C-alpha atoms as a PDB file:
ATOM      1  CA  MET A   1     136.880  96.761  42.528  1.00  0.00           C
ATOM      2  CA  PRO A   2     140.546  95.896  42.574  1.00  0.00           C
ATOM      3  CA  PHE A   3     141.584  92.295  41.885  1.00  0.00           C
ATOM      4  CA  ASN A   4     142.876  91.665  45.417  1.00  0.00           C
ATOM      5  CA  GLU A   5     139.741  93.007  46.918  1.00  0.00           C
ATOM      6  CA  THR A   6     137.623  90.805  44.701  1.00  0.00           C
ATOM      7  CA  ILE A   7     139.644  87.727  45.838  1.00  0.00           C
ATOM      8  CA  VAL A   8     139.231  88.681  49.453  1.00  0.00           C
ATOM      9  CA  SER A   9     135.491  89.239  49.020  1.00  0.00           C
ATOM     10  CA  GLN A  10     135.110  85.834  47.329  1.00  0.00           C
ATOM     11  CA  ARG A  11     137.005  84.143  50.151  1.00  0.00           C
ATOM     12  CA  GLN A  12     134.837  85.845  52.737  1.00  0.00           C
ATOM     13  CA  ASP A  13     131.643  84.664  50.936  1.00  0.00           C
ATOM     14  CA  VAL A  14     132.962  81.133  50.777  1.00  0.00           C
ATOM     15  CA  LEU A  15     133.835  81.251  54.509  1.00  0.00           C
ATOM     16  CA  GLN A  16     130.453  82.626  55.443  1.00  0.00           C
ATOM     17  CA  ASP A  17     128.805  79.923  53.333  1.00  0.00           C
ATOM     18  CA  THR A  18     130.828  77.231  55.053  1.00  0.00           C
ATOM     19  CA  HIS A  19     130.011  78.592  58.518  1.00  0.00           C
ATOM     20  CA  SER A  20     126.306  78.616  57.541  1.00  0.00           C
ATOM     21  CA  VAL A  21     126.388  75.026  56.342  1.00  0.00           C
ATOM     22  CA  LEU A  22     128.260  73.916  59.499  1.00  0.00           C
ATOM     23  CA  ARG A  23     125.910  75.791  61.805  1.00  0.00           C
ATOM     24  CA  ASN A  24     122.788  74.434  60.124  1.00  0.00           C
ATOM     25  CA  THR A  25     124.224  70.924  60.027  1.00  0.00           C
ATOM     26  CA  TYR A  26     124.979  70.820  63.727  1.00  0.00           C
ATOM     27  CA  LEU A  27     121.563  72.299  64.615  1.00  0.00           C
ATOM     28  CA  LEU A  28     119.719  69.798  62.474  1.00  0.00           C
ATOM     29  CA  LEU A  29     121.959  66.944  63.667  1.00  0.00           C
ATOM     30  CA  SER A  30     121.231  67.814  67.339  1.00  0.00           C
ATOM     31  CA  LEU A  31     117.436  67.779  66.673  1.00  0.00           C
ATOM     32  CA  THR A  32     117.491  64.548  64.724  1.00  0.00           C
ATOM     33  CA  LEU A  33     119.573  62.775  67.351  1.00  0.00           C
ATOM     34  CA  LEU A  34     117.046  63.783  70.006  1.00  0.00           C
ATOM     35  CA  PHE A  35     114.191  62.564  67.799  1.00  0.00           C
ATOM     36  CA  SER A  36     116.055  59.349  67.003  1.00  0.00           C
ATOM     37  CA  SER A  37     116.688  58.753  70.752  1.00  0.00           C
ATOM     38  CA  ALA A  38     112.978  59.273  71.434  1.00  0.00           C
ATOM     39  CA  ALA A  39     112.119  56.708  68.713  1.00  0.00           C
ATOM     40  CA  ALA A  40     114.630  54.270  70.176  1.00  0.00           C
ATOM     41  CA  GLY A  41     113.161  54.776  73.655  1.00  0.00           C
ATOM     42  CA  PHE A  42     109.661  54.167  72.260  1.00  0.00           C
ATOM     43  CA  ALA A  43     110.901  50.895  70.633  1.00  0.00           C
ATOM     44  CA  VAL A  44     112.443  49.811  73.934  1.00  0.00           C
ATOM     45  CA  MET A  45     109.231  50.616  75.983  1.00  0.00           C
ATOM     46  CA  THR A  46     106.973  48.771  73.504  1.00  0.00           C
ATOM     47  CA  GLN A  47     109.344  45.794  73.283  1.00  0.00           C
ATOM     48  CA  ALA A  48     109.720  46.109  69.485  1.00  0.00           C
ATOM     49  CA  GLY A  49     110.612  42.872  67.866  1.00  0.00           C
ATOM     50  CA  PHE A  50     113.221  42.173  65.206  1.00  0.00           C
ATOM     51  CA  GLY A  51     110.552  42.009  62.543  1.00  0.00           C
ATOM     52  CA  SER A  52     109.355  45.527  63.108  1.00  0.00           C
ATOM     53  CA  ALA A  53     112.962  46.715  63.488  1.00  0.00           C
ATOM     54  CA  ILE A  54     113.856  45.200  60.078  1.00  0.00           C
ATOM     55  CA  VAL A  55     110.873  46.945  58.499  1.00  0.00           C
ATOM     56  CA  ALA A  56     111.942  50.256  60.023  1.00  0.00           C
ATOM     57  CA  PHE A  57     115.500  49.761  58.742  1.00  0.00           C
ATOM     58  CA  ILE A  58     114.292  48.954  55.205  1.00  0.00           C
ATOM     59  CA  LEU A  59     112.049  52.054  55.336  1.00  0.00           C
ATOM     60  CA  SER A  60     115.047  54.174  56.458  1.00  0.00           C
ATOM     61  CA  PHE A  61     117.038  52.816  53.517  1.00  0.00           C
ATOM     62  CA  VAL A  62     114.260  53.999  51.165  1.00  0.00           C
ATOM     63  CA  LEU A  63     114.122  57.361  52.930  1.00  0.00           C
ATOM     64  CA  LEU A  64     117.841  57.723  52.413  1.00  0.00           C
ATOM     65  CA  PHE A  65     117.238  58.020  48.675  1.00  0.00           C
ATOM     66  CA  VAL A  66     114.085  60.082  49.058  1.00  0.00           C
ATOM     67  CA  THR A  67     115.888  62.628  51.207  1.00  0.00           C
ATOM     68  CA  ALA A  68     118.725  62.874  48.722  1.00  0.00           C
ATOM     69  CA  ALA A  69     116.150  63.619  45.993  1.00  0.00           C
ATOM     70  CA  LEU A  70     114.462  66.323  48.138  1.00  0.00           C
ATOM     71  CA  ARG A  71     117.621  67.744  49.722  1.00  0.00           C
ATOM     72  CA  ASN A  72     117.050  71.206  48.300  1.00  0.00           C
ATOM     73  CA  SER A  73     113.496  71.622  49.603  1.00  0.00           C
ATOM     74  CA  ALA A  74     111.730  71.913  52.914  1.00  0.00           C
ATOM     75  CA  TRP A  75     110.499  68.328  52.413  1.00  0.00           C
ATOM     76  CA  GLY A  76     114.095  67.199  52.722  1.00  0.00           C
ATOM     77  CA  ILE A  77     114.072  68.295  56.399  1.00  0.00           C
ATOM     78  CA  LEU A  78     110.956  66.287  57.076  1.00  0.00           C
ATOM     79  CA  CYS A  79     112.514  63.247  55.380  1.00  0.00           C
ATOM     80  CA  VAL A  80     115.670  63.601  57.570  1.00  0.00           C
ATOM     81  CA  PHE A  81     113.478  63.334  60.681  1.00  0.00           C
ATOM     82  CA  ALA A  82     111.587  60.357  59.220  1.00  0.00           C
ATOM     83  CA  PHE A  83     114.895  58.696  58.349  1.00  0.00           C
ATOM     84  CA  THR A  84     116.489  59.175  61.752  1.00  0.00           C
ATOM     85  CA  GLY A  85     113.304  58.188  63.517  1.00  0.00           C
ATOM     86  CA  CYS A  86     113.241  54.873  61.598  1.00  0.00           C
ATOM     87  CA  MET A  87     116.945  54.318  62.305  1.00  0.00           C
ATOM     88  CA  GLY A  88     116.430  55.003  66.002  1.00  0.00           C
ATOM     89  CA  TYR A  89     113.409  52.693  66.165  1.00  0.00           C
ATOM     90  CA  SER A  90     115.436  49.876  64.515  1.00  0.00           C
ATOM     91  CA  LEU A  91     117.861  50.031  67.492  1.00  0.00           C
ATOM     92  CA  GLY A  92     115.054  48.955  69.844  1.00  0.00           C
ATOM     93  CA  PRO A  93     115.617  45.117  69.846  1.00  0.00           C
ATOM     94  CA  MET A  94     119.404  45.584  70.208  1.00  0.00           C
ATOM     95  CA  LEU A  95     118.971  47.885  73.147  1.00  0.00           C
ATOM     96  CA  ASN A  96     116.436  45.544  74.813  1.00  0.00           C
ATOM     97  CA  GLN A  97     118.905  42.683  74.415  1.00  0.00           C
ATOM     98  CA  PHE A  98     121.435  44.575  76.411  1.00  0.00           C
ATOM     99  CA  ILE A  99     118.958  45.817  79.003  1.00  0.00           C
ATOM    100  CA  HIS A 100     117.523  42.351  79.638  1.00  0.00           C
ATOM    101  CA  GLY A 101     120.631  40.232  78.768  1.00  0.00           C
ATOM    102  CA  TYR A 102     123.232  41.904  80.854  1.00  0.00           C
ATOM    103  CA  SER A 103     123.204  42.690  84.569  1.00  0.00           C
ATOM    104  CA  ASN A 104     124.664  46.111  83.767  1.00  0.00           C
ATOM    105  CA  GLY A 105     122.984  46.558  80.362  1.00  0.00           C
ATOM    106  CA  GLY A 106     121.749  50.069  81.106  1.00  0.00           C
ATOM    107  CA  GLN A 107     125.264  51.122  82.204  1.00  0.00           C
ATOM    108  CA  LEU A 108     126.801  49.670  78.983  1.00  0.00           C
ATOM    109  CA  ILE A 109     124.364  51.650  76.837  1.00  0.00           C
ATOM    110  CA  LEU A 110     125.185  54.839  78.706  1.00  0.00           C
ATOM    111  CA  THR A 111     128.876  54.179  78.483  1.00  0.00           C
ATOM    112  CA  ALA A 112     128.526  53.592  74.717  1.00  0.00           C
ATOM    113  CA  LEU A 113     126.583  56.852  74.448  1.00  0.00           C
ATOM    114  CA  GLY A 114     129.241  58.777  76.364  1.00  0.00           C
ATOM    115  CA  GLY A 115     131.997  57.231  74.339  1.00  0.00           C
ATOM    116  CA  THR A 116     130.227  58.088  71.127  1.00  0.00           C
ATOM    117  CA  GLY A 117     129.668  61.712  72.238  1.00  0.00           C
ATOM    118  CA  LEU A 118     133.329  62.175  73.283  1.00  0.00           C
ATOM    119  CA  THR A 119     134.690  60.586  70.120  1.00  0.00           C
ATOM    120  CA  PHE A 120     132.440  62.772  67.963  1.00  0.00           C
ATOM    121  CA  LEU A 121     133.453  65.879  69.903  1.00  0.00           C
ATOM    122  CA  ALA A 122     137.163  65.107  69.743  1.00  0.00           C
ATOM    123  CA  SER A 123     137.152  64.180  66.036  1.00  0.00           C
ATOM    124  CA  SER A 124     135.137  67.228  65.070  1.00  0.00           C
ATOM    125  CA  VAL A 125     137.186  69.670  67.076  1.00  0.00           C
ATOM    126  CA  TYR A 126     140.375  68.283  65.675  1.00  0.00           C
ATOM    127  CA  ILE A 127     139.210  68.739  62.063  1.00  0.00           C
ATOM    128  CA  LEU A 128     137.672  72.158  62.804  1.00  0.00           C
ATOM    129  CA  MET A 129     140.939  73.404  64.331  1.00  0.00           C
ATOM    130  CA  THR A 130     143.339  71.923  61.752  1.00  0.00           C
ATOM    131  CA  LYS A 131     141.014  72.313  58.740  1.00  0.00           C
ATOM    132  CA  LYS A 132     142.651  69.212  57.167  1.00  0.00           C
ATOM    133  CA  ASP A 133     141.413  68.074  53.776  1.00  0.00           C
ATOM    134  CA  LEU A 134     140.770  64.374  54.051  1.00  0.00           C
ATOM    135  CA  SER A 135     139.260  63.801  50.613  1.00  0.00           C
ATOM    136  CA  HIS A 136     142.051  61.265  49.918  1.00  0.00           C
ATOM    137  CA  TRP A 137     140.458  59.008  52.530  1.00  0.00           C
ATOM    138  CA  ASN A 138     137.429  58.337  50.319  1.00  0.00           C
ATOM    139  CA  LYS A 139     138.708  55.247  48.522  1.00  0.00           C
ATOM    140  CA  PHE A 140     140.193  53.689  51.722  1.00  0.00           C
ATOM    141  CA  LEU A 141     137.045  54.155  53.701  1.00  0.00           C
ATOM    142  CA  THR A 142     134.837  52.822  50.878  1.00  0.00           C
ATOM    143  CA  ILE A 143     137.002  49.634  50.540  1.00  0.00           C
ATOM    144  CA  GLY A 144     136.991  49.182  54.319  1.00  0.00           C
ATOM    145  CA  ILE A 145     133.177  49.466  54.578  1.00  0.00           C
ATOM    146  CA  ILE A 146     132.722  46.970  51.766  1.00  0.00           C
ATOM    147  CA  ILE A 147     135.086  44.487  53.310  1.00  0.00           C
ATOM    148  CA  CYS A 148     133.309  44.791  56.673  1.00  0.00           C
ATOM    149  CA  LEU A 149     129.920  44.342  55.010  1.00  0.00           C
ATOM    150  CA  ILE A 150     131.154  41.095  53.372  1.00  0.00           C
ATOM    151  CA  ALA A 151     132.567  39.976  56.740  1.00  0.00           C
ATOM    152  CA  VAL A 152     129.232  40.704  58.510  1.00  0.00           C
ATOM    153  CA  LEU A 153     127.308  38.659  55.960  1.00  0.00           C
ATOM    154  CA  ALA A 154     129.789  35.823  56.185  1.00  0.00           C
ATOM    155  CA  ASN A 155     129.602  35.805  59.931  1.00  0.00           C
ATOM    156  CA  ILE A 156     125.843  35.361  59.858  1.00  0.00           C
ATOM    157  CA  PHE A 157     126.598  31.764  58.815  1.00  0.00           C
ATOM    158  CA  LEU A 158     129.915  31.325  60.557  1.00  0.00           C
ATOM    159  CA  LYS A 159     128.774  32.704  63.876  1.00  0.00           C
ATOM    160  CA  MET A 160     132.358  33.300  65.135  1.00  0.00           C
ATOM    161  CA  PRO A 161     132.560  35.589  68.174  1.00  0.00           C
ATOM    162  CA  ALA A 162     136.180  36.463  67.457  1.00  0.00           C
ATOM    163  CA  MET A 163     135.284  37.556  63.945  1.00  0.00           C
ATOM    164  CA  GLN A 164     132.375  39.679  65.268  1.00  0.00           C
ATOM    165  CA  LEU A 165     134.723  41.332  67.703  1.00  0.00           C
ATOM    166  CA  ALA A 166     137.229  42.102  64.942  1.00  0.00           C
ATOM    167  CA  ILE A 167     134.423  43.488  62.731  1.00  0.00           C
ATOM    168  CA  SER A 168     133.118  45.757  65.527  1.00  0.00           C
ATOM    169  CA  THR A 169     136.662  47.012  66.321  1.00  0.00           C
ATOM    170  CA  ILE A 170     137.324  47.890  62.667  1.00  0.00           C
ATOM    171  CA  LEU A 171     133.862  49.556  62.218  1.00  0.00           C
ATOM    172  CA  THR A 172     134.494  51.617  65.356  1.00  0.00           C
ATOM    173  CA  LEU A 173     137.696  52.916  63.813  1.00  0.00           C
ATOM    174  CA  ILE A 174     136.081  53.427  60.372  1.00  0.00           C
ATOM    175  CA  SER A 175     133.093  55.300  61.857  1.00  0.00           C
ATOM    176  CA  THR A 176     135.458  57.623  63.735  1.00  0.00           C
ATOM    177  CA  MET A 177     137.379  58.271  60.524  1.00  0.00           C
ATOM    178  CA  LEU A 178     134.113  58.873  58.700  1.00  0.00           C
ATOM    179  CA  ILE A 179     133.172  61.581  61.254  1.00  0.00           C
ATOM    180  CA  MET A 180     136.486  63.296  60.564  1.00  0.00           C
ATOM    181  CA  TYR A 181     136.094  62.809  56.774  1.00  0.00           C
ATOM    182  CA  ASP A 182     132.573  64.147  56.582  1.00  0.00           C
ATOM    183  CA  THR A 183     133.409  67.136  58.807  1.00  0.00           C
ATOM    184  CA  SER A 184     136.344  67.805  56.573  1.00  0.00           C
ATOM    185  CA  ARG A 185     134.112  67.763  53.483  1.00  0.00           C
ATOM    186  CA  ILE A 186     131.914  70.477  54.973  1.00  0.00           C
ATOM    187  CA  ILE A 187     134.711  72.900  55.930  1.00  0.00           C
ATOM    188  CA  ASN A 188     136.604  72.287  52.737  1.00  0.00           C
ATOM    189  CA  ASN A 189     133.558  72.829  50.500  1.00  0.00           C
ATOM    190  CA  GLY A 190     133.112  69.197  49.622  1.00  0.00           C
ATOM    191  CA  GLU A 191     129.528  69.223  50.934  1.00  0.00           C
ATOM    192  CA  ARG A 192     127.399  72.336  50.572  1.00  0.00           C
ATOM    193  CA  ASN A 193     124.013  70.897  51.509  1.00  0.00           C
ATOM    194  CA  TYR A 194     123.426  70.774  55.270  1.00  0.00           C
ATOM    195  CA  ILE A 195     120.647  68.158  54.904  1.00  0.00           C
ATOM    196  CA  MET A 196     123.026  65.702  53.283  1.00  0.00           C
ATOM    197  CA  ALA A 197     125.800  66.621  55.710  1.00  0.00           C
ATOM    198  CA  THR A 198     123.437  65.887  58.627  1.00  0.00           C
ATOM    199  CA  MET A 199     122.528  62.472  57.135  1.00  0.00           C
ATOM    200  CA  SER A 200     126.192  61.558  56.678  1.00  0.00           C
ATOM    201  CA  LEU A 201     127.186  62.494  60.290  1.00  0.00           C
ATOM    202  CA  TYR A 202     124.153  60.837  61.729  1.00  0.00           C
ATOM    203  CA  ILE A 203     124.950  57.542  60.030  1.00  0.00           C
ATOM    204  CA  ASP A 204     128.561  57.843  61.247  1.00  0.00           C
ATOM    205  CA  ILE A 205     127.396  58.483  64.813  1.00  0.00           C
ATOM    206  CA  GLN A 206     124.888  55.582  64.894  1.00  0.00           C
ATOM    207  CA  MET A 207     127.469  53.209  63.441  1.00  0.00           C
ATOM    208  CA  LEU A 208     130.006  54.306  66.063  1.00  0.00           C
ATOM    209  CA  PHE A 209     127.421  53.842  68.897  1.00  0.00           C
ATOM    210  CA  GLN A 210     126.318  50.425  67.780  1.00  0.00           C
ATOM    211  CA  ASN A 211     129.847  49.080  67.458  1.00  0.00           C
ATOM    212  CA  LEU A 212     131.055  50.593  70.704  1.00  0.00           C
ATOM    213  CA  LEU A 213     128.089  48.889  72.392  1.00  0.00           C
ATOM    214  CA  MET A 214     129.011  45.608  70.762  1.00  0.00           C
ATOM    215  CA  LEU A 215     132.576  45.876  72.003  1.00  0.00           C
ATOM    216  CA  LEU A 216     131.469  46.712  75.530  1.00  0.00           C
ATOM    217  CA  GLY A 217     129.097  43.765  75.458  1.00  0.00           C
ATOM    218  CA  ALA A 218     131.868  41.440  74.259  1.00  0.00           C
ATOM    219  CA  PHE A 219     133.890  42.165  77.350  1.00  0.00           C
ATOM    220  CA  ASN A 220     130.985  41.911  79.803  1.00  0.00           C
ATOM    221  CA  GLY A 221     129.334  38.688  80.697  1.00  0.00           C
ATOM    222  CA  ARG A 222     125.629  38.120  80.231  1.00  0.00           C
ATOM    223  CA  GLU A 223     123.335  37.354  83.127  1.00  0.00           C
END
């Protein structure tokens, strides 16, 4: 086979592999988001307390590492559903706070869901169309998340509403950038495992939803 034909064939194989990872990622992401929503709905209906939510969150943290270890097996898919189910369940108390603490709590949740969906769609389409390589964002995003984590821990003791508002605003921006970054990793061969790609995008989406909801709550009075 001539050299040029070999190069073309290799590029086609890489392109097909990328499309396969992208297709499987979006399919698994859609299913896990539905499962996570069902788990969150169950937590809301059963009036899950903060104690059970914390347990679910800790379990999801453990499942994060288990899934990474099993990412190349069928068990990895099961672990993804377990992880997203626990993450969804952990949202229960927060959602109940909005439902019962705000006169328009349900509307705020739906608005946050809509905003999350539109942001994810716009961010993904932009990267898919431009095919930009955003690998250079890695250090910036890592530093930003660490700073926000420190600020969150500090605000547990400081209890400053203005600081919470600033944190939610920054995390909303960071989570949007993470969606773009993780999508870029898939189409530029930075992530070849669709299970891990699904996990990354799911975490980005949940972080975006939570912080959009916090921002909406900050600008709406409680009952």
